[in-house]
Amino acid sequence: MDIKDLLSGAVIGIAAETAGVLYLFRNKMVIDIKSPKSFEETCEAIERVIPQFESEGWGFPFDKWNFYKVFESRNLDVDNINKLMVYFICNAKLAARVISATNAMAGIMPCSWAVSERNDGIYISKMNIGLMAKIFSGEIKKAMEIVEETEKRMLKKIFE
């Protein structure tokens, strides 16, 4: 095997890995979690469960946003969406850690969860914080891992 073969193999390997990473991030960065509950029950569960995590620093920094009413008020149709409520969920202590590490991270805060009623069911859509944590290191990674673990506990209670 000569250097040309090694370089060709390395280029092919790097290209394949890059394609795999791009696919993963494009298709898994924002996730849909199907709810076993109705739209109203899912929204009520979120509103009931998140305050249960207040002792850990979690809460709603802003009121929920009935995003579908925005569409209706502008006579816009959105395919496959019958209702859409957005919740902003934050842990200020974790947010401060992340923003202190990299100020620009403020642009993706607070965490948003969208509850949508679609033709095939009710979904909670949110950023895949666990996957996002993998591209960071240090304080940002540690904080995102805490967010991921807490979100799992929140969702478990929401779907009970």
N, C-alpha and C. Protein backbone atom coordinates (compact mmCIF):
# COMPACT_ATOMS: atom_id res chain seq x y z
N MET A 1 0.86 -1.17 0.00
CA MET A 1 0.00 0.00 0.00
C MET A 1 0.90 1.24 0.00
N ASP A 2 0.63 2.15 -0.88
CA ASP A 2 1.46 3.36 -0.95
C ASP A 2 0.73 4.55 -0.33
N ILE A 3 1.40 5.67 -0.28
CA ILE A 3 0.86 6.88 0.35
C ILE A 3 -0.41 7.37 -0.34
N LYS A 4 -0.49 7.17 -1.65
CA LYS A 4 -1.66 7.59 -2.41
C LYS A 4 -2.90 6.81 -1.93
N ASP A 5 -2.74 5.52 -1.72
CA ASP A 5 -3.85 4.70 -1.23
C ASP A 5 -4.26 5.12 0.18
N LEU A 6 -3.28 5.41 1.03
CA LEU A 6 -3.57 5.85 2.39
C LEU A 6 -4.32 7.17 2.40
N LEU A 7 -3.87 8.11 1.58
CA LEU A 7 -4.54 9.41 1.50
C LEU A 7 -5.96 9.27 0.95
N SER A 8 -6.12 8.44 -0.06
CA SER A 8 -7.45 8.21 -0.62
C SER A 8 -8.38 7.62 0.44
N GLY A 9 -7.88 6.65 1.17
CA GLY A 9 -8.68 6.04 2.23
C GLY A 9 -9.03 7.04 3.31
N ALA A 10 -8.08 7.89 3.69
CA ALA A 10 -8.34 8.91 4.71
C ALA A 10 -9.40 9.90 4.23
N VAL A 11 -9.30 10.34 2.99
CA VAL A 11 -10.27 11.29 2.44
C VAL A 11 -11.66 10.67 2.41
N ILE A 12 -11.76 9.42 1.97
CA ILE A 12 -13.05 8.73 1.93
C ILE A 12 -13.61 8.57 3.34
N GLY A 13 -12.77 8.21 4.29
CA GLY A 13 -13.20 8.06 5.68
C GLY A 13 -13.70 9.36 6.28
N ILE A 14 -12.97 10.44 6.04
CA ILE A 14 -13.37 11.75 6.55
C ILE A 14 -14.68 12.20 5.90
N ALA A 15 -14.83 11.98 4.61
CA ALA A 15 -16.06 12.36 3.91
C ALA A 15 -17.25 11.57 4.46
N ALA A 16 -17.06 10.27 4.68
CA ALA A 16 -18.15 9.45 5.21
C ALA A 16 -18.53 9.87 6.62
N GLU A 17 -17.53 10.15 7.44
CA GLU A 17 -17.82 10.59 8.81
C GLU A 17 -18.53 11.95 8.81
N THR A 18 -18.08 12.85 7.97
CA THR A 18 -18.72 14.17 7.87
C THR A 18 -20.17 14.03 7.42
N ALA A 19 -20.41 13.17 6.43
CA ALA A 19 -21.78 12.96 5.96
C ALA A 19 -22.64 12.38 7.09
N GLY A 20 -22.10 11.45 7.85
CA GLY A 20 -22.84 10.87 8.97
C GLY A 20 -23.17 11.88 10.04
N VAL A 21 -22.21 12.72 10.38
CA VAL A 21 -22.44 13.75 11.39
C VAL A 21 -23.48 14.76 10.90
N LEU A 22 -23.38 15.17 9.65
CA LEU A 22 -24.36 16.10 9.09
C LEU A 22 -25.76 15.50 9.11
N TYR A 23 -25.88 14.24 8.73
CA TYR A 23 -27.18 13.57 8.77
C TYR A 23 -27.73 13.56 10.19
N LEU A 24 -26.90 13.19 11.13
CA LEU A 24 -27.31 13.12 12.53
C LEU A 24 -27.82 14.47 13.02
N PHE A 25 -27.07 15.52 12.78
CA PHE A 25 -27.46 16.84 13.27
C PHE A 25 -28.68 17.38 12.53
N ARG A 26 -28.79 17.14 11.25
CA ARG A 26 -29.95 17.63 10.50
C ARG A 26 -31.23 16.92 10.92
N ASN A 27 -31.13 15.65 11.24
CA ASN A 27 -32.32 14.85 11.50
C ASN A 27 -32.60 14.58 12.97
N LYS A 28 -31.67 14.90 13.85
CA LYS A 28 -31.84 14.56 15.26
C LYS A 28 -31.66 15.75 16.20
N MET A 29 -31.31 16.93 15.68
CA MET A 29 -31.05 18.07 16.55
C MET A 29 -32.33 18.59 17.20
N VAL A 30 -33.43 18.52 16.49
CA VAL A 30 -34.73 18.87 17.06
C VAL A 30 -35.55 17.59 17.01
N ILE A 31 -36.13 17.24 18.16
CA ILE A 31 -36.84 15.97 18.23
C ILE A 31 -38.31 16.17 18.53
N ASP A 32 -39.10 15.22 18.06
CA ASP A 32 -40.52 15.15 18.33
C ASP A 32 -40.76 13.98 19.28
N ILE A 33 -41.50 14.23 20.33
CA ILE A 33 -41.86 13.18 21.28
C ILE A 33 -43.38 13.09 21.26
N LYS A 34 -43.90 11.95 20.85
CA LYS A 34 -45.35 11.79 20.74
C LYS A 34 -45.95 11.69 22.15
N SER A 35 -46.98 12.46 22.37
CA SER A 35 -47.66 12.47 23.66
C SER A 35 -48.83 11.48 23.64
N PRO A 36 -49.02 10.74 24.73
CA PRO A 36 -50.18 9.85 24.81
C PRO A 36 -51.45 10.60 25.21
N LYS A 37 -51.31 11.89 25.47
CA LYS A 37 -52.42 12.71 25.96
C LYS A 37 -52.95 13.61 24.86
N SER A 38 -54.09 14.23 25.13
CA SER A 38 -54.65 15.22 24.20
C SER A 38 -53.77 16.47 24.23
N PHE A 39 -54.02 17.37 23.31
CA PHE A 39 -53.29 18.64 23.28
C PHE A 39 -53.46 19.38 24.60
N GLU A 40 -54.70 19.54 25.04
CA GLU A 40 -54.98 20.27 26.28
C GLU A 40 -54.36 19.58 27.48
N GLU A 41 -54.46 18.25 27.55
CA GLU A 41 -53.88 17.50 28.67
C GLU A 41 -52.36 17.61 28.69
N THR A 42 -51.75 17.62 27.52
CA THR A 42 -50.29 17.75 27.44
C THR A 42 -49.87 19.13 27.92
N CYS A 43 -50.57 20.18 27.47
CA CYS A 43 -50.26 21.54 27.91
C CYS A 43 -50.46 21.68 29.42
N GLU A 44 -51.57 21.15 29.93
CA GLU A 44 -51.84 21.22 31.37
C GLU A 44 -50.77 20.48 32.16
N ALA A 45 -50.31 19.33 31.65
CA ALA A 45 -49.27 18.57 32.35
C ALA A 45 -47.96 19.35 32.39
N ILE A 46 -47.60 20.00 31.31
CA ILE A 46 -46.37 20.82 31.30
C ILE A 46 -46.51 21.94 32.33
N GLU A 47 -47.64 22.60 32.34
CA GLU A 47 -47.87 23.71 33.27
C GLU A 47 -47.89 23.26 34.73
N ARG A 48 -48.24 22.01 34.96
CA ARG A 48 -48.28 21.46 36.32
C ARG A 48 -46.90 20.93 36.74
N VAL A 49 -46.19 20.29 35.81
CA VAL A 49 -44.94 19.59 36.15
C VAL A 49 -43.75 20.53 36.29
N ILE A 50 -43.57 21.47 35.38
CA ILE A 50 -42.37 22.32 35.42
C ILE A 50 -42.23 23.02 36.78
N PRO A 51 -43.30 23.58 37.36
CA PRO A 51 -43.16 24.20 38.69
C PRO A 51 -42.72 23.22 39.79
N GLN A 52 -42.92 21.93 39.57
CA GLN A 52 -42.47 20.93 40.54
C GLN A 52 -40.94 20.86 40.60
N PHE A 53 -40.27 21.44 39.63
CA PHE A 53 -38.81 21.45 39.57
C PHE A 53 -38.23 22.81 39.99
N GLU A 54 -39.07 23.63 40.60
CA GLU A 54 -38.64 24.97 41.02
C GLU A 54 -37.48 24.90 42.02
N SER A 55 -37.49 23.91 42.91
CA SER A 55 -36.41 23.79 43.90
C SER A 55 -35.06 23.52 43.24
N GLU A 56 -35.09 23.03 41.99
CA GLU A 56 -33.85 22.81 41.23
C GLU A 56 -33.53 24.01 40.34
N GLY A 57 -34.37 25.05 40.41
CA GLY A 57 -34.09 26.27 39.66
C GLY A 57 -34.88 26.44 38.37
N TRP A 58 -35.82 25.52 38.09
CA TRP A 58 -36.56 25.56 36.83
C TRP A 58 -37.84 26.36 36.95
N GLY A 59 -38.22 26.97 35.83
CA GLY A 59 -39.47 27.71 35.79
C GLY A 59 -39.75 28.23 34.40
N PHE A 60 -40.82 28.99 34.31
CA PHE A 60 -41.22 29.63 33.06
C PHE A 60 -40.85 31.12 33.14
N PRO A 61 -39.81 31.55 32.43
CA PRO A 61 -39.45 32.97 32.49
C PRO A 61 -40.43 33.87 31.74
N PHE A 62 -41.20 33.29 30.82
CA PHE A 62 -42.20 34.02 30.04
C PHE A 62 -43.47 33.18 30.01
N ASP A 63 -44.58 33.84 29.73
CA ASP A 63 -45.83 33.12 29.60
C ASP A 63 -45.79 32.28 28.32
N LYS A 64 -46.61 31.26 28.30
CA LYS A 64 -46.72 30.43 27.09
C LYS A 64 -47.17 31.30 25.92
N TRP A 65 -46.90 30.83 24.73
CA TRP A 65 -47.19 31.59 23.52
C TRP A 65 -48.05 30.72 22.62
N ASN A 66 -49.28 31.15 22.38
CA ASN A 66 -50.17 30.44 21.48
C ASN A 66 -49.78 30.83 20.06
N PHE A 67 -48.82 30.11 19.54
CA PHE A 67 -48.24 30.43 18.24
C PHE A 67 -49.26 30.24 17.12
N TYR A 68 -50.17 29.29 17.29
CA TYR A 68 -51.16 29.07 16.24
C TYR A 68 -52.05 30.30 16.05
N LYS A 69 -52.34 31.02 17.13
CA LYS A 69 -53.17 32.23 17.00
C LYS A 69 -52.46 33.29 16.16
N VAL A 70 -51.14 33.29 16.19
CA VAL A 70 -50.38 34.21 15.33
C VAL A 70 -50.67 33.87 13.87
N PHE A 71 -50.63 32.58 13.55
CA PHE A 71 -50.94 32.17 12.18
C PHE A 71 -52.36 32.57 11.80
N GLU A 72 -53.30 32.27 12.69
CA GLU A 72 -54.71 32.59 12.42
C GLU A 72 -54.91 34.09 12.21
N SER A 73 -54.27 34.90 13.06
CA SER A 73 -54.46 36.34 12.97
C SER A 73 -53.91 36.92 11.66
N ARG A 74 -53.03 36.17 11.01
CA ARG A 74 -52.45 36.63 9.75
C ARG A 74 -52.97 35.82 8.56
N ASN A 75 -54.03 35.05 8.81
CA ASN A 75 -54.63 34.22 7.77
C ASN A 75 -53.62 33.30 7.09
N LEU A 76 -52.78 32.69 7.89
CA LEU A 76 -51.77 31.77 7.38
C LEU A 76 -52.16 30.34 7.75
N ASP A 77 -52.01 29.45 6.82
CA ASP A 77 -52.22 28.03 7.07
C ASP A 77 -50.86 27.36 7.22
N VAL A 78 -50.77 26.49 8.19
CA VAL A 78 -49.55 25.71 8.37
C VAL A 78 -49.93 24.25 8.18
N ASP A 79 -49.31 23.61 7.21
CA ASP A 79 -49.64 22.21 6.93
C ASP A 79 -49.43 21.35 8.16
N ASN A 80 -50.42 20.51 8.41
CA ASN A 80 -50.32 19.47 9.43
C ASN A 80 -50.29 20.00 10.86
N ILE A 81 -50.59 21.26 11.10
CA ILE A 81 -50.63 21.80 12.46
C ILE A 81 -52.03 22.37 12.70
N ASN A 82 -52.69 21.83 13.72
CA ASN A 82 -54.03 22.30 14.08
C ASN A 82 -54.00 23.23 15.29
N LYS A 83 -53.06 22.98 16.19
CA LYS A 83 -52.84 23.82 17.37
C LYS A 83 -51.34 23.83 17.64
N LEU A 84 -50.86 24.92 18.24
CA LEU A 84 -49.43 25.03 18.54
C LEU A 84 -49.22 25.98 19.71
N MET A 85 -48.71 25.43 20.81
CA MET A 85 -48.42 26.22 22.01
C MET A 85 -46.93 26.08 22.30
N VAL A 86 -46.27 27.19 22.55
CA VAL A 86 -44.83 27.17 22.84
C VAL A 86 -44.61 27.57 24.29
N TYR A 87 -43.79 26.78 24.98
CA TYR A 87 -43.41 27.04 26.36
C TYR A 87 -41.93 27.36 26.42
N PHE A 88 -41.58 28.32 27.25
CA PHE A 88 -40.19 28.70 27.46
C PHE A 88 -39.81 28.22 28.85
N ILE A 89 -38.81 27.36 28.92
CA ILE A 89 -38.43 26.71 30.17
C ILE A 89 -36.98 27.07 30.45
N CYS A 90 -36.71 27.49 31.69
CA CYS A 90 -35.36 27.97 31.99
C CYS A 90 -34.93 27.59 33.40
N ASN A 91 -33.64 27.39 33.53
CA ASN A 91 -32.97 27.29 34.82
C ASN A 91 -31.91 28.39 34.80
N ALA A 92 -32.17 29.49 35.48
CA ALA A 92 -31.31 30.67 35.39
C ALA A 92 -29.87 30.38 35.83
N LYS A 93 -29.69 29.53 36.84
CA LYS A 93 -28.32 29.21 37.29
C LYS A 93 -27.53 28.49 36.20
N LEU A 94 -28.18 27.51 35.56
CA LEU A 94 -27.49 26.81 34.47
C LEU A 94 -27.27 27.74 33.28
N ALA A 95 -28.24 28.58 32.98
CA ALA A 95 -28.11 29.54 31.89
C ALA A 95 -26.92 30.48 32.14
N ALA A 96 -26.79 30.94 33.37
CA ALA A 96 -25.67 31.84 33.71
C ALA A 96 -24.33 31.14 33.51
N ARG A 97 -24.24 29.85 33.88
CA ARG A 97 -23.00 29.09 33.68
C ARG A 97 -22.65 29.02 32.20
N VAL A 98 -23.64 28.72 31.39
CA VAL A 98 -23.42 28.57 29.95
C VAL A 98 -23.04 29.90 29.31
N ILE A 99 -23.79 30.95 29.64
CA ILE A 99 -23.52 32.26 29.06
C ILE A 99 -22.18 32.82 29.53
N SER A 100 -21.80 32.52 30.77
CA SER A 100 -20.49 32.94 31.26
C SER A 100 -19.37 32.28 30.47
N ALA A 101 -19.58 31.03 30.06
CA ALA A 101 -18.56 30.32 29.30
C ALA A 101 -18.47 30.85 27.87
N THR A 102 -19.63 31.12 27.27
CA THR A 102 -19.69 31.65 25.90
C THR A 102 -20.91 32.54 25.79
N ASN A 103 -20.69 33.84 25.79
CA ASN A 103 -21.79 34.80 25.80
C ASN A 103 -22.80 34.59 24.68
N ALA A 104 -22.35 34.16 23.51
CA ALA A 104 -23.24 33.99 22.37
C ALA A 104 -24.31 32.93 22.59
N MET A 105 -24.10 32.05 23.57
CA MET A 105 -25.09 31.01 23.85
C MET A 105 -26.41 31.60 24.32
N ALA A 106 -26.42 32.85 24.72
CA ALA A 106 -27.66 33.50 25.12
C ALA A 106 -28.68 33.48 23.98
N GLY A 107 -28.20 33.36 22.76
CA GLY A 107 -29.07 33.36 21.60
C GLY A 107 -29.97 32.15 21.48
N ILE A 108 -29.70 31.09 22.25
CA ILE A 108 -30.54 29.90 22.16
C ILE A 108 -31.30 29.66 23.47
N MET A 109 -31.36 30.66 24.31
CA MET A 109 -32.04 30.49 25.59
C MET A 109 -33.25 31.39 25.66
N PRO A 110 -34.26 31.02 26.40
CA PRO A 110 -34.41 29.79 27.18
C PRO A 110 -34.77 28.61 26.29
N CYS A 111 -34.82 27.42 26.89
CA CYS A 111 -35.25 26.23 26.15
C CYS A 111 -36.70 26.42 25.73
N SER A 112 -37.01 26.04 24.52
CA SER A 112 -38.38 26.12 24.01
C SER A 112 -38.91 24.71 23.79
N TRP A 113 -40.12 24.50 24.24
CA TRP A 113 -40.85 23.27 23.95
C TRP A 113 -42.11 23.67 23.22
N ALA A 114 -42.37 23.05 22.10
CA ALA A 114 -43.58 23.33 21.33
C ALA A 114 -44.50 22.13 21.42
N VAL A 115 -45.73 22.37 21.83
CA VAL A 115 -46.74 21.31 21.83
C VAL A 115 -47.61 21.55 20.60
N SER A 116 -47.68 20.54 19.74
CA SER A 116 -48.46 20.70 18.52
C SER A 116 -49.48 19.57 18.38
N GLU A 117 -50.62 19.96 17.86
CA GLU A 117 -51.62 18.98 17.48
C GLU A 117 -51.51 18.83 15.97
N ARG A 118 -51.18 17.63 15.55
CA ARG A 118 -51.01 17.34 14.12
C ARG A 118 -52.05 16.33 13.69
N ASN A 119 -52.08 16.08 12.43
CA ASN A 119 -53.06 15.13 11.91
C ASN A 119 -52.87 13.73 12.50
N ASP A 120 -51.65 13.39 12.88
CA ASP A 120 -51.38 12.04 13.40
C ASP A 120 -51.13 12.00 14.91
N GLY A 121 -51.42 13.08 15.64
CA GLY A 121 -51.28 13.04 17.08
C GLY A 121 -50.74 14.32 17.68
N ILE A 122 -50.42 14.22 18.95
CA ILE A 122 -49.91 15.34 19.73
C ILE A 122 -48.42 15.11 19.96
N TYR A 123 -47.63 16.17 19.81
CA TYR A 123 -46.18 16.07 19.94
C TYR A 123 -45.62 17.20 20.80
N ILE A 124 -44.55 16.88 21.51
CA ILE A 124 -43.70 17.90 22.13
C ILE A 124 -42.43 17.92 21.29
N SER A 125 -42.12 19.08 20.73
CA SER A 125 -40.91 19.23 19.93
C SER A 125 -39.94 20.10 20.72
N LYS A 126 -38.67 19.71 20.71
CA LYS A 126 -37.67 20.45 21.48
C LYS A 126 -36.28 20.16 20.94
N MET A 127 -35.36 21.00 21.33
CA MET A 127 -33.96 20.79 20.98
C MET A 127 -33.47 19.51 21.65
N ASN A 128 -32.69 18.75 20.95
CA ASN A 128 -32.08 17.54 21.50
C ASN A 128 -30.82 17.98 22.26
N ILE A 129 -31.02 18.36 23.51
CA ILE A 129 -29.93 18.90 24.32
C ILE A 129 -28.81 17.88 24.51
N GLY A 130 -29.16 16.61 24.63
CA GLY A 130 -28.14 15.57 24.79
C GLY A 130 -27.21 15.51 23.58
N LEU A 131 -27.77 15.58 22.39
CA LEU A 131 -26.95 15.58 21.19
C LEU A 131 -26.15 16.87 21.10
N MET A 132 -26.79 17.98 21.41
CA MET A 132 -26.10 19.26 21.35
C MET A 132 -24.92 19.29 22.33
N ALA A 133 -25.08 18.69 23.49
CA ALA A 133 -24.00 18.66 24.49
C ALA A 133 -22.75 18.00 23.94
N LYS A 134 -22.91 17.06 23.02
CA LYS A 134 -21.77 16.32 22.48
C LYS A 134 -20.83 17.21 21.66
N ILE A 135 -21.31 18.34 21.18
CA ILE A 135 -20.43 19.19 20.37
C ILE A 135 -19.70 20.24 21.22
N PHE A 136 -20.02 20.27 22.51
CA PHE A 136 -19.39 21.23 23.41
C PHE A 136 -18.50 20.53 24.42
N SER A 137 -17.76 21.33 25.17
CA SER A 137 -16.92 20.79 26.24
C SER A 137 -17.05 21.72 27.44
N GLY A 138 -16.38 21.38 28.51
CA GLY A 138 -16.32 22.23 29.69
C GLY A 138 -17.67 22.51 30.32
N GLU A 139 -17.86 23.75 30.78
CA GLU A 139 -19.07 24.15 31.50
C GLU A 139 -20.33 24.01 30.66
N ILE A 140 -20.23 24.31 29.37
CA ILE A 140 -21.41 24.21 28.51
C ILE A 140 -21.87 22.76 28.44
N LYS A 141 -20.95 21.85 28.21
CA LYS A 141 -21.29 20.42 28.15
C LYS A 141 -21.89 19.95 29.47
N LYS A 142 -21.25 20.31 30.59
CA LYS A 142 -21.75 19.88 31.89
C LYS A 142 -23.17 20.40 32.15
N ALA A 143 -23.40 21.67 31.84
CA ALA A 143 -24.72 22.26 32.06
C ALA A 143 -25.76 21.59 31.16
N MET A 144 -25.40 21.35 29.90
CA MET A 144 -26.35 20.72 28.98
C MET A 144 -26.66 19.29 29.41
N GLU A 145 -25.70 18.60 29.97
CA GLU A 145 -25.96 17.24 30.46
C GLU A 145 -26.95 17.27 31.62
N ILE A 146 -26.86 18.29 32.47
CA ILE A 146 -27.83 18.44 33.56
C ILE A 146 -29.22 18.73 32.99
N VAL A 147 -29.27 19.61 32.00
CA VAL A 147 -30.55 19.93 31.35
C VAL A 147 -31.16 18.66 30.76
N GLU A 148 -30.35 17.89 30.05
CA GLU A 148 -30.86 16.66 29.43
C GLU A 148 -31.44 15.71 30.48
N GLU A 149 -30.72 15.51 31.56
CA GLU A 149 -31.18 14.59 32.61
C GLU A 149 -32.47 15.10 33.23
N THR A 150 -32.54 16.40 33.48
CA THR A 150 -33.74 16.98 34.09
C THR A 150 -34.93 16.91 33.14
N GLU A 151 -34.70 17.20 31.87
CA GLU A 151 -35.79 17.13 30.89
C GLU A 151 -36.37 15.72 30.83
N LYS A 152 -35.53 14.71 30.92
CA LYS A 152 -36.03 13.33 30.91
C LYS A 152 -36.96 13.09 32.10
N ARG A 153 -36.58 13.59 33.27
CA ARG A 153 -37.43 13.43 34.45
C ARG A 153 -38.73 14.22 34.29
N MET A 154 -38.64 15.41 33.74
CA MET A 154 -39.84 16.23 33.50
C MET A 154 -40.79 15.52 32.56
N LEU A 155 -40.27 15.03 31.45
CA LEU A 155 -41.12 14.37 30.44
C LEU A 155 -41.77 13.12 31.01
N LYS A 156 -41.04 12.38 31.82
CA LYS A 156 -41.61 11.18 32.45
C LYS A 156 -42.84 11.56 33.26
N LYS A 157 -42.74 12.64 34.05
CA LYS A 157 -43.88 13.09 34.86
C LYS A 157 -45.00 13.65 33.98
N ILE A 158 -44.65 14.34 32.92
CA ILE A 158 -45.66 14.89 32.02
C ILE A 158 -46.49 13.78 31.40
N PHE A 159 -45.87 12.68 31.06
CA PHE A 159 -46.57 11.59 30.37
C PHE A 159 -47.21 10.59 31.32
N GLU A 160 -47.06 10.77 32.62
CA GLU A 160 -47.67 9.83 33.60
C GLU A 160 -49.18 9.91 33.54
